[in-house]
Amino acid sequence: VACHGKDGVGLTPDYPNLAGQHEDYIKQALHNYKSGVRK
């Protein structure tokens, strides 16, 4: 919530909006951050 809010809209222009993004894409992005594929 500190960056993406409860409604999925990024709180600053530098943070992504997540509302309505594909569920499987959000999962993939989180896995990539967790594994270090995204730095």
PDB file of all heavy atoms in Angstrom:
ATOM      1  N   VAL A   1       0.814  -1.210   0.000  1.00  0.00           N
ATOM      2  CA  VAL A   1       0.000   0.000   0.000  1.00  0.00           C
ATOM      3  C   VAL A   1       0.847   1.260   0.000  1.00  0.00           C
ATOM      4  O   VAL A   1       0.430   2.305  -0.509  1.00  0.00           O
ATOM      5  CB  VAL A   1      -0.971  -0.017   1.208  1.00  0.00           C
ATOM      6  CG1 VAL A   1      -0.218   0.120   2.514  1.00  0.00           C
ATOM      7  CG2 VAL A   1      -2.016   1.079   1.096  1.00  0.00           C
ATOM      8  N   ALA A   2       2.064   1.187   0.531  1.00  0.00           N
ATOM      9  CA  ALA A   2       2.926   2.371   0.621  1.00  0.00           C
ATOM     10  C   ALA A   2       3.307   2.912  -0.749  1.00  0.00           C
ATOM     11  O   ALA A   2       3.598   4.106  -0.885  1.00  0.00           O
ATOM     12  CB  ALA A   2       4.190   2.043   1.411  1.00  0.00           C
ATOM     13  N   CYS A   3       3.310   2.060  -1.769  1.00  0.00           N
ATOM     14  CA  CYS A   3       3.684   2.482  -3.120  1.00  0.00           C
ATOM     15  C   CYS A   3       2.551   2.329  -4.129  1.00  0.00           C
ATOM     16  O   CYS A   3       2.409   3.157  -5.028  1.00  0.00           O
ATOM     17  CB  CYS A   3       4.883   1.675  -3.611  1.00  0.00           C
ATOM     18  SG  CYS A   3       6.361   1.855  -2.604  1.00  0.00           S
ATOM     19  N   HIS A   4       1.758   1.272  -3.981  1.00  0.00           N
ATOM     20  CA  HIS A   4       0.746   0.945  -4.981  1.00  0.00           C
ATOM     21  C   HIS A   4      -0.685   1.192  -4.520  1.00  0.00           C
ATOM     22  O   HIS A   4      -1.614   1.004  -5.311  1.00  0.00           O
ATOM     23  CB  HIS A   4       0.897  -0.521  -5.416  1.00  0.00           C
ATOM     24  CG  HIS A   4       2.263  -0.840  -5.939  1.00  0.00           C
ATOM     25  ND1 HIS A   4       2.741  -0.363  -7.134  1.00  0.00           N
ATOM     26  CD2 HIS A   4       3.274  -1.579  -5.410  1.00  0.00           C
ATOM     27  CE1 HIS A   4       3.972  -0.804  -7.320  1.00  0.00           C
ATOM     28  NE2 HIS A   4       4.319  -1.539  -6.291  1.00  0.00           N
ATOM     29  N   GLY A   5      -0.863   1.605  -3.256  1.00  0.00           N
ATOM     30  CA  GLY A   5      -2.198   1.865  -2.749  1.00  0.00           C
ATOM     31  C   GLY A   5      -3.036   0.606  -2.642  1.00  0.00           C
ATOM     32  O   GLY A   5      -2.655  -0.465  -3.114  1.00  0.00           O
ATOM     33  N   LYS A   6      -4.201   0.740  -2.031  1.00  0.00           N
ATOM     34  CA  LYS A   6      -5.117  -0.403  -1.961  1.00  0.00           C
ATOM     35  C   LYS A   6      -5.854  -0.611  -3.285  1.00  0.00           C
ATOM     36  O   LYS A   6      -6.323  -1.710  -3.573  1.00  0.00           O
ATOM     37  CB  LYS A   6      -6.138  -0.194  -0.838  1.00  0.00           C
ATOM     38  CG  LYS A   6      -5.580  -0.383   0.563  1.00  0.00           C
ATOM     39  CD  LYS A   6      -6.677  -0.309   1.605  1.00  0.00           C
ATOM     40  CE  LYS A   6      -6.125  -0.527   3.009  1.00  0.00           C
ATOM     41  NZ  LYS A   6      -7.192  -0.447   4.037  1.00  0.00           N
ATOM     42  N   ASP A   7      -5.957   0.459  -4.089  1.00  0.00           N
ATOM     43  CA  ASP A   7      -6.688   0.353  -5.352  1.00  0.00           C
ATOM     44  C   ASP A   7      -5.788   0.020  -6.531  1.00  0.00           C
ATOM     45  O   ASP A   7      -6.235  -0.052  -7.676  1.00  0.00           O
ATOM     46  CB  ASP A   7      -7.472   1.634  -5.638  1.00  0.00           C
ATOM     47  CG  ASP A   7      -6.579   2.878  -5.714  1.00  0.00           C
ATOM     48  OD1 ASP A   7      -5.352   2.739  -5.545  1.00  0.00           O
ATOM     49  OD2 ASP A   7      -7.120   3.983  -5.940  1.00  0.00           O
ATOM     50  N   GLY A   8      -4.475  -0.169  -6.274  1.00  0.00           N
ATOM     51  CA  GLY A   8      -3.565  -0.562  -7.342  1.00  0.00           C
ATOM     52  C   GLY A   8      -3.074   0.568  -8.211  1.00  0.00           C
ATOM     53  O   GLY A   8      -2.498   0.320  -9.276  1.00  0.00           O
ATOM     54  N   VAL A   9      -3.268   1.810  -7.770  1.00  0.00           N
ATOM     55  CA  VAL A   9      -2.776   2.965  -8.520  1.00  0.00           C
ATOM     56  C   VAL A   9      -1.525   3.491  -7.824  1.00  0.00           C
ATOM     57  O   VAL A   9      -1.570   3.835  -6.639  1.00  0.00           O
ATOM     58  CB  VAL A   9      -3.835   4.073  -8.617  1.00  0.00           C
ATOM     59  CG1 VAL A   9      -3.276   5.300  -9.342  1.00  0.00           C
ATOM     60  CG2 VAL A   9      -5.072   3.555  -9.360  1.00  0.00           C
ATOM     61  N   GLY A  10      -0.406   3.531  -8.547  1.00  0.00           N
ATOM     62  CA  GLY A  10       0.859   3.970  -7.974  1.00  0.00           C
ATOM     63  C   GLY A  10       0.754   5.363  -7.371  1.00  0.00           C
ATOM     64  O   GLY A  10       0.169   6.270  -7.978  1.00  0.00           O
ATOM     65  N   LEU A  11       1.329   5.553  -6.186  1.00  0.00           N
ATOM     66  CA  LEU A  11       1.165   6.810  -5.463  1.00  0.00           C
ATOM     67  C   LEU A  11       2.039   7.932  -5.998  1.00  0.00           C
ATOM     68  O   LEU A  11       1.808   9.096  -5.677  1.00  0.00           O
ATOM     69  CB  LEU A  11       1.450   6.593  -3.971  1.00  0.00           C
ATOM     70  CG  LEU A  11       0.547   5.584  -3.261  1.00  0.00           C
ATOM     71  CD1 LEU A  11       0.807   5.610  -1.760  1.00  0.00           C
ATOM     72  CD2 LEU A  11      -0.920   5.853  -3.538  1.00  0.00           C
ATOM     73  N   THR A  12       3.054   7.608  -6.796  1.00  0.00           N
ATOM     74  CA  THR A  12       3.850   8.626  -7.481  1.00  0.00           C
ATOM     75  C   THR A  12       3.954   8.202  -8.949  1.00  0.00           C
ATOM     76  O   THR A  12       3.719   7.031  -9.282  1.00  0.00           O
ATOM     77  CB  THR A  12       5.267   8.770  -6.891  1.00  0.00           C
ATOM     78  OG1 THR A  12       6.101   7.716  -7.399  1.00  0.00           O
ATOM     79  CG2 THR A  12       5.249   8.744  -5.367  1.00  0.00           C
ATOM     80  N   PRO A  13       4.326   9.135  -9.840  1.00  0.00           N
ATOM     81  CA  PRO A  13       4.454   8.780 -11.262  1.00  0.00           C
ATOM     82  C   PRO A  13       5.528   7.736 -11.535  1.00  0.00           C
ATOM     83  O   PRO A  13       5.570   7.170 -12.627  1.00  0.00           O
ATOM     84  CB  PRO A  13       4.825  10.117 -11.924  1.00  0.00           C
ATOM     85  CG  PRO A  13       4.323  11.160 -10.993  1.00  0.00           C
ATOM     86  CD  PRO A  13       4.507  10.588  -9.622  1.00  0.00           C
ATOM     87  N   ASP A  14       6.397   7.489 -10.560  1.00  0.00           N
ATOM     88  CA  ASP A  14       7.488   6.544 -10.772  1.00  0.00           C
ATOM     89  C   ASP A  14       7.127   5.107 -10.396  1.00  0.00           C
ATOM     90  O   ASP A  14       7.895   4.191 -10.676  1.00  0.00           O
ATOM     91  CB  ASP A  14       8.710   6.977  -9.955  1.00  0.00           C
ATOM     92  CG  ASP A  14       9.170   8.364 -10.351  1.00  0.00           C
ATOM     93  OD1 ASP A  14       9.835   8.486 -11.385  1.00  0.00           O
ATOM     94  OD2 ASP A  14       8.842   9.326  -9.636  1.00  0.00           O
ATOM     95  N   TYR A  15       5.986   4.918  -9.755  1.00  0.00           N
ATOM     96  CA  TYR A  15       5.561   3.577  -9.362  1.00  0.00           C
ATOM     97  C   TYR A  15       4.454   3.083 -10.288  1.00  0.00           C
ATOM     98  O   TYR A  15       3.563   3.847 -10.659  1.00  0.00           O
ATOM     99  CB  TYR A  15       5.085   3.556  -7.910  1.00  0.00           C
ATOM    100  CG  TYR A  15       6.217   3.645  -6.918  1.00  0.00           C
ATOM    101  CD1 TYR A  15       6.383   4.769  -6.121  1.00  0.00           C
ATOM    102  CD2 TYR A  15       7.136   2.607  -6.807  1.00  0.00           C
ATOM    103  CE1 TYR A  15       7.445   4.854  -5.229  1.00  0.00           C
ATOM    104  CE2 TYR A  15       8.198   2.688  -5.922  1.00  0.00           C
ATOM    105  CZ  TYR A  15       8.345   3.814  -5.137  1.00  0.00           C
ATOM    106  OH  TYR A  15       9.404   3.900  -4.266  1.00  0.00           O
ATOM    107  N   PRO A  16       4.484   1.800 -10.657  1.00  0.00           N
ATOM    108  CA  PRO A  16       3.508   1.296 -11.624  1.00  0.00           C
ATOM    109  C   PRO A  16       2.106   1.172 -11.057  1.00  0.00           C
ATOM    110  O   PRO A  16       1.913   0.881  -9.880  1.00  0.00           O
ATOM    111  CB  PRO A  16       4.063  -0.097 -11.976  1.00  0.00           C
ATOM    112  CG  PRO A  16       4.831  -0.509 -10.770  1.00  0.00           C
ATOM    113  CD  PRO A  16       5.457   0.757 -10.250  1.00  0.00           C
ATOM    114  N   ASN A  17       1.148   1.412 -11.939  1.00  0.00           N
ATOM    115  CA  ASN A  17      -0.234   1.059 -11.632  1.00  0.00           C
ATOM    116  C   ASN A  17      -0.387  -0.451 -11.830  1.00  0.00           C
ATOM    117  O   ASN A  17       0.094  -1.004 -12.817  1.00  0.00           O
ATOM    118  CB  ASN A  17      -1.199   1.798 -12.573  1.00  0.00           C
ATOM    119  CG  ASN A  17      -1.141   3.297 -12.385  1.00  0.00           C
ATOM    120  OD1 ASN A  17      -0.978   3.782 -11.264  1.00  0.00           O
ATOM    121  ND2 ASN A  17      -1.292   4.044 -13.462  1.00  0.00           N
ATOM    122  N   LEU A  18      -1.054  -1.100 -10.878  1.00  0.00           N
ATOM    123  CA  LEU A  18      -1.252  -2.546 -10.938  1.00  0.00           C
ATOM    124  C   LEU A  18      -2.706  -2.929 -11.187  1.00  0.00           C
ATOM    125  O   LEU A  18      -2.991  -4.092 -11.488  1.00  0.00           O
ATOM    126  CB  LEU A  18      -0.791  -3.192  -9.625  1.00  0.00           C
ATOM    127  CG  LEU A  18       0.664  -2.952  -9.211  1.00  0.00           C
ATOM    128  CD1 LEU A  18       0.949  -3.660  -7.892  1.00  0.00           C
ATOM    129  CD2 LEU A  18       1.633  -3.417 -10.293  1.00  0.00           C
ATOM    130  N   ALA A  19      -3.611  -1.976 -11.047  1.00  0.00           N
ATOM    131  CA  ALA A  19      -5.044  -2.277 -11.149  1.00  0.00           C
ATOM    132  C   ALA A  19      -5.387  -2.861 -12.519  1.00  0.00           C
ATOM    133  O   ALA A  19      -5.141  -2.238 -13.553  1.00  0.00           O
ATOM    134  CB  ALA A  19      -5.864  -1.014 -10.908  1.00  0.00           C
ATOM    135  N   GLY A  20      -5.936  -4.064 -12.514  1.00  0.00           N
ATOM    136  CA  GLY A  20      -6.356  -4.697 -13.752  1.00  0.00           C
ATOM    137  C   GLY A  20      -5.232  -5.284 -14.580  1.00  0.00           C
ATOM    138  O   GLY A  20      -5.477  -5.766 -15.693  1.00  0.00           O
ATOM    139  N   GLN A  21      -4.000  -5.236 -14.068  1.00  0.00           N
ATOM    140  CA  GLN A  21      -2.898  -5.882 -14.788  1.00  0.00           C
ATOM    141  C   GLN A  21      -3.125  -7.392 -14.781  1.00  0.00           C
ATOM    142  O   GLN A  21      -3.765  -7.932 -13.883  1.00  0.00           O
ATOM    143  CB  GLN A  21      -1.558  -5.555 -14.119  1.00  0.00           C
ATOM    144  CG  GLN A  21      -0.331  -6.035 -14.862  1.00  0.00           C
ATOM    145  CD  GLN A  21      -0.243  -5.491 -16.275  1.00  0.00           C
ATOM    146  OE1 GLN A  21      -0.796  -6.111 -17.199  1.00  0.00           O
ATOM    147  NE2 GLN A  21       0.406  -4.344 -16.434  1.00  0.00           N
ATOM    148  N   HIS A  22      -2.622  -8.085 -15.784  1.00  0.00           N
ATOM    149  CA  HIS A  22      -2.802  -9.539 -15.857  1.00  0.00           C
ATOM    150  C   HIS A  22      -2.269 -10.206 -14.590  1.00  0.00           C
ATOM    151  O   HIS A  22      -1.147  -9.927 -14.148  1.00  0.00           O
ATOM    152  CB  HIS A  22      -2.075 -10.117 -17.065  1.00  0.00           C
ATOM    153  CG  HIS A  22      -2.654  -9.720 -18.385  1.00  0.00           C
ATOM    154  ND1 HIS A  22      -3.914 -10.110 -18.784  1.00  0.00           N
ATOM    155  CD2 HIS A  22      -2.138  -8.969 -19.391  1.00  0.00           C
ATOM    156  CE1 HIS A  22      -4.143  -9.624 -20.001  1.00  0.00           C
ATOM    157  NE2 HIS A  22      -3.099  -8.934 -20.389  1.00  0.00           N
ATOM    158  N   GLU A  23      -3.061 -11.101 -14.027  1.00  0.00           N
ATOM    159  CA  GLU A  23      -2.675 -11.792 -12.800  1.00  0.00           C
ATOM    160  C   GLU A  23      -1.371 -12.555 -12.985  1.00  0.00           C
ATOM    161  O   GLU A  23      -0.482 -12.502 -12.133  1.00  0.00           O
ATOM    162  CB  GLU A  23      -3.799 -12.740 -12.368  1.00  0.00           C
ATOM    163  CG  GLU A  23      -3.531 -13.478 -11.076  1.00  0.00           C
ATOM    164  CD  GLU A  23      -4.717 -14.333 -10.633  1.00  0.00           C
ATOM    165  OE1 GLU A  23      -5.821 -14.165 -11.188  1.00  0.00           O
ATOM    166  OE2 GLU A  23      -4.534 -15.169  -9.726  1.00  0.00           O
ATOM    167  N   ASP A  24      -1.241 -13.271 -14.101  1.00  0.00           N
ATOM    168  CA  ASP A  24      -0.033 -14.075 -14.301  1.00  0.00           C
ATOM    169  C   ASP A  24       1.192 -13.198 -14.546  1.00  0.00           C
ATOM    170  O   ASP A  24       2.318 -13.582 -14.214  1.00  0.00           O
ATOM    171  CB  ASP A  24      -0.222 -15.101 -15.424  1.00  0.00           C
ATOM    172  CG  ASP A  24      -0.532 -14.468 -16.774  1.00  0.00           C
ATOM    173  OD1 ASP A  24      -0.966 -13.300 -16.820  1.00  0.00           O
ATOM    174  OD2 ASP A  24      -0.363 -15.169 -17.798  1.00  0.00           O
ATOM    175  N   TYR A  25       0.998 -11.995 -15.098  1.00  0.00           N
ATOM    176  CA  TYR A  25       2.125 -11.088 -15.286  1.00  0.00           C
ATOM    177  C   TYR A  25       2.630 -10.559 -13.944  1.00  0.00           C
ATOM    178  O   TYR A  25       3.844 -10.468 -13.721  1.00  0.00           O
ATOM    179  CB  TYR A  25       1.748  -9.917 -16.193  1.00  0.00           C
ATOM    180  CG  TYR A  25       2.879  -8.926 -16.332  1.00  0.00           C
ATOM    181  CD1 TYR A  25       3.960  -9.196 -17.159  1.00  0.00           C
ATOM    182  CD2 TYR A  25       2.880  -7.745 -15.595  1.00  0.00           C
ATOM    183  CE1 TYR A  25       5.027  -8.314 -17.255  1.00  0.00           C
ATOM    184  CE2 TYR A  25       3.945  -6.851 -15.688  1.00  0.00           C
ATOM    185  CZ  TYR A  25       5.008  -7.137 -16.523  1.00  0.00           C
ATOM    186  OH  TYR A  25       6.072  -6.266 -16.604  1.00  0.00           O
ATOM    187  N   ILE A  26       1.709 -10.202 -13.044  1.00  0.00           N
ATOM    188  CA  ILE A  26       2.114  -9.733 -11.710  1.00  0.00           C
ATOM    189  C   ILE A  26       2.896 -10.835 -10.994  1.00  0.00           C
ATOM    190  O   ILE A  26       3.934 -10.582 -10.367  1.00  0.00           O
ATOM    191  CB  ILE A  26       0.901  -9.297 -10.885  1.00  0.00           C
ATOM    192  CG1 ILE A  26       0.215  -8.090 -11.539  1.00  0.00           C
ATOM    193  CG2 ILE A  26       1.316  -8.938  -9.458  1.00  0.00           C
ATOM    194  CD1 ILE A  26      -1.073  -7.664 -10.856  1.00  0.00           C
ATOM    195  N   LYS A  27       2.414 -12.070 -11.090  1.00  0.00           N
ATOM    196  CA  LYS A  27       3.139 -13.195 -10.477  1.00  0.00           C
ATOM    197  C   LYS A  27       4.546 -13.310 -11.050  1.00  0.00           C
ATOM    198  O   LYS A  27       5.523 -13.468 -10.309  1.00  0.00           O
ATOM    199  CB  LYS A  27       2.384 -14.509 -10.723  1.00  0.00           C
ATOM    200  CG  LYS A  27       1.100 -14.679  -9.956  1.00  0.00           C
ATOM    201  CD  LYS A  27       0.491 -16.037 -10.295  1.00  0.00           C
ATOM    202  CE  LYS A  27      -0.848 -16.242  -9.639  1.00  0.00           C
ATOM    203  NZ  LYS A  27      -1.439 -17.560  -9.991  1.00  0.00           N
ATOM    204  N   GLN A  28       4.659 -13.246 -12.377  1.00  0.00           N
ATOM    205  CA  GLN A  28       5.954 -13.383 -13.023  1.00  0.00           C
ATOM    206  C   GLN A  28       6.902 -12.269 -12.578  1.00  0.00           C
ATOM    207  O   GLN A  28       8.086 -12.520 -12.297  1.00  0.00           O
ATOM    208  CB  GLN A  28       5.792 -13.356 -14.544  1.00  0.00           C
ATOM    209  CG  GLN A  28       7.076 -13.584 -15.328  1.00  0.00           C
ATOM    210  CD  GLN A  28       7.621 -14.994 -15.158  1.00  0.00           C
ATOM    211  OE1 GLN A  28       6.856 -15.941 -14.999  1.00  0.00           O
ATOM    212  NE2 GLN A  28       8.939 -15.132 -15.192  1.00  0.00           N
ATOM    213  N   ALA A  29       6.393 -11.036 -12.512  1.00  0.00           N
ATOM    214  CA  ALA A  29       7.231  -9.915 -12.097  1.00  0.00           C
ATOM    215  C   ALA A  29       7.739 -10.110 -10.672  1.00  0.00           C
ATOM    216  O   ALA A  29       8.927  -9.883 -10.383  1.00  0.00           O
ATOM    217  CB  ALA A  29       6.444  -8.608 -12.214  1.00  0.00           C
ATOM    218  N   LEU A  30       6.867 -10.542  -9.758  1.00  0.00           N
ATOM    219  CA  LEU A  30       7.279 -10.757  -8.371  1.00  0.00           C
ATOM    220  C   LEU A  30       8.300 -11.883  -8.269  1.00  0.00           C
ATOM    221  O   LEU A  30       9.276 -11.789  -7.518  1.00  0.00           O
ATOM    222  CB  LEU A  30       6.062 -11.053  -7.503  1.00  0.00           C
ATOM    223  CG  LEU A  30       5.138  -9.850  -7.239  1.00  0.00           C
ATOM    224  CD1 LEU A  30       3.860 -10.294  -6.533  1.00  0.00           C
ATOM    225  CD2 LEU A  30       5.861  -8.796  -6.406  1.00  0.00           C
ATOM    226  N   HIS A  31       8.094 -12.958  -9.024  1.00  0.00           N
ATOM    227  CA  HIS A  31       9.082 -14.043  -9.033  1.00  0.00           C
ATOM    228  C   HIS A  31      10.434 -13.540  -9.557  1.00  0.00           C
ATOM    229  O   HIS A  31      11.495 -13.933  -9.052  1.00  0.00           O
ATOM    230  CB  HIS A  31       8.592 -15.204  -9.896  1.00  0.00           C
ATOM    231  CG  HIS A  31       7.578 -16.064  -9.230  1.00  0.00           C
ATOM    232  ND1 HIS A  31       6.401 -16.431  -9.845  1.00  0.00           N
ATOM    233  CD2 HIS A  31       7.543 -16.636  -8.000  1.00  0.00           C
ATOM    234  CE1 HIS A  31       5.701 -17.200  -9.023  1.00  0.00           C
ATOM    235  NE2 HIS A  31       6.372 -17.323  -7.892  1.00  0.00           N
ATOM    236  N   ASN A  32      10.391 -12.678 -10.583  1.00  0.00           N
ATOM    237  CA  ASN A  32      11.638 -12.163 -11.144  1.00  0.00           C
ATOM    238  C   ASN A  32      12.376 -11.251 -10.176  1.00  0.00           C
ATOM    239  O   ASN A  32      13.609 -11.255 -10.126  1.00  0.00           O
ATOM    240  CB  ASN A  32      11.352 -11.419 -12.457  1.00  0.00           C
ATOM    241  CG  ASN A  32      11.061 -12.355 -13.612  1.00  0.00           C
ATOM    242  OD1 ASN A  32      11.229 -13.568 -13.507  1.00  0.00           O
ATOM    243  ND2 ASN A  32      10.598 -11.804 -14.722  1.00  0.00           N
ATOM    244  N   TYR A  33      11.632 -10.452  -9.414  1.00  0.00           N
ATOM    245  CA  TYR A  33      12.281  -9.629  -8.384  1.00  0.00           C
ATOM    246  C   TYR A  33      12.854 -10.522  -7.284  1.00  0.00           C
ATOM    247  O   TYR A  33      13.959 -10.278  -6.783  1.00  0.00           O
ATOM    248  CB  TYR A  33      11.287  -8.641  -7.780  1.00  0.00           C
ATOM    249  CG  TYR A  33      10.957  -7.461  -8.667  1.00  0.00           C
ATOM    250  CD1 TYR A  33       9.649  -7.180  -9.043  1.00  0.00           C
ATOM    251  CD2 TYR A  33      11.967  -6.604  -9.118  1.00  0.00           C
ATOM    252  CE1 TYR A  33       9.353  -6.095  -9.848  1.00  0.00           C
ATOM    253  CE2 TYR A  33      11.670  -5.518  -9.933  1.00  0.00           C
ATOM    254  CZ  TYR A  33      10.357  -5.262 -10.289  1.00  0.00           C
ATOM    255  OH  TYR A  33      10.060  -4.187 -11.089  1.00  0.00           O
ATOM    256  N   LYS A  34      12.123 -11.534  -6.925  1.00  0.00           N
ATOM    257  CA  LYS A  34      12.561 -12.442  -5.852  1.00  0.00           C
ATOM    258  C   LYS A  34      13.822 -13.201  -6.251  1.00  0.00           C
ATOM    259  O   LYS A  34      14.738 -13.396  -5.427  1.00  0.00           O
ATOM    260  CB  LYS A  34      11.423 -13.426  -5.522  1.00  0.00           C
ATOM    261  CG  LYS A  34      11.668 -14.315  -4.298  1.00  0.00           C
ATOM    262  CD  LYS A  34      10.439 -15.197  -4.048  1.00  0.00           C
ATOM    263  CE  LYS A  34      10.676 -16.151  -2.895  1.00  0.00           C
ATOM    264  NZ  LYS A  34      10.613 -15.476  -1.577  1.00  0.00           N
ATOM    265  N   SER A  35      13.901 -13.614  -7.522  1.00  0.00           N
ATOM    266  CA  SER A  35      15.034 -14.415  -7.993  1.00  0.00           C
ATOM    267  C   SER A  35      16.225 -13.565  -8.436  1.00  0.00           C
ATOM    268  O   SER A  35      17.325 -14.082  -8.615  1.00  0.00           O
ATOM    269  CB  SER A  35      14.605 -15.293  -9.169  1.00  0.00           C
ATOM    270  OG  SER A  35      14.302 -14.498 -10.307  1.00  0.00           O
ATOM    271  N   GLY A  36      16.004 -12.258  -8.632  1.00  0.00           N
ATOM    272  CA  GLY A  36      17.076 -11.394  -9.092  1.00  0.00           C
ATOM    273  C   GLY A  36      17.127 -11.202 -10.592  1.00  0.00           C
ATOM    274  O   GLY A  36      18.013 -10.507 -11.101  1.00  0.00           O
ATOM    275  N   VAL A  37      16.178 -11.806 -11.340  1.00  0.00           N
ATOM    276  CA  VAL A  37      16.122 -11.581 -12.787  1.00  0.00           C
ATOM    277  C   VAL A  37      15.855 -10.107 -13.069  1.00  0.00           C
ATOM    278  O   VAL A  37      16.410  -9.526 -14.002  1.00  0.00           O
ATOM    279  CB  VAL A  37      15.035 -12.470 -13.434  1.00  0.00           C
ATOM    280  CG1 VAL A  37      14.820 -12.106 -14.895  1.00  0.00           C
ATOM    281  CG2 VAL A  37      15.436 -13.937 -13.314  1.00  0.00           C
ATOM    282  N   ARG A  38      14.986  -9.507 -12.254  1.00  0.00           N
ATOM    283  CA  ARG A  38      14.822  -8.052 -12.268  1.00  0.00           C
ATOM    284  C   ARG A  38      15.604  -7.490 -11.087  1.00  0.00           C
ATOM    285  O   ARG A  38      15.444  -7.971  -9.970  1.00  0.00           O
ATOM    286  CB  ARG A  38      13.345  -7.658 -12.134  1.00  0.00           C
ATOM    287  CG  ARG A  38      12.514  -7.884 -13.367  1.00  0.00           C
ATOM    288  CD  ARG A  38      11.177  -7.175 -13.224  1.00  0.00           C
ATOM    289  NE  ARG A  38      10.304  -7.409 -14.349  1.00  0.00           N
ATOM    290  CZ  ARG A  38       9.139  -6.787 -14.541  1.00  0.00           C
ATOM    291  NH1 ARG A  38       8.729  -5.887 -13.659  1.00  0.00           N
ATOM    292  NH2 ARG A  38       8.395  -7.054 -15.586  1.00  0.00           N
ATOM    293  N   LYS A  39      16.392  -6.464 -11.352  1.00  0.00           N
ATOM    294  CA  LYS A  39      17.256  -5.890 -10.324  1.00  0.00           C
ATOM    295  C   LYS A  39      16.715  -4.529  -9.911  1.00  0.00           C
ATOM    296  O   LYS A  39      16.836  -3.560 -10.661  1.00  0.00           O
ATOM    297  CB  LYS A  39      18.685  -5.799 -10.840  1.00  0.00           C
ATOM    298  CG  LYS A  39      19.290  -7.146 -11.196  1.00  0.00           C
ATOM    299  CD  LYS A  39      20.637  -7.007 -11.865  1.00  0.00           C
ATOM    300  CE  LYS A  39      21.234  -8.386 -12.174  1.00  0.00           C
ATOM    301  NZ  LYS A  39      20.420  -9.157 -13.109  1.00  0.00           N
TER     302      LYS A  39
END
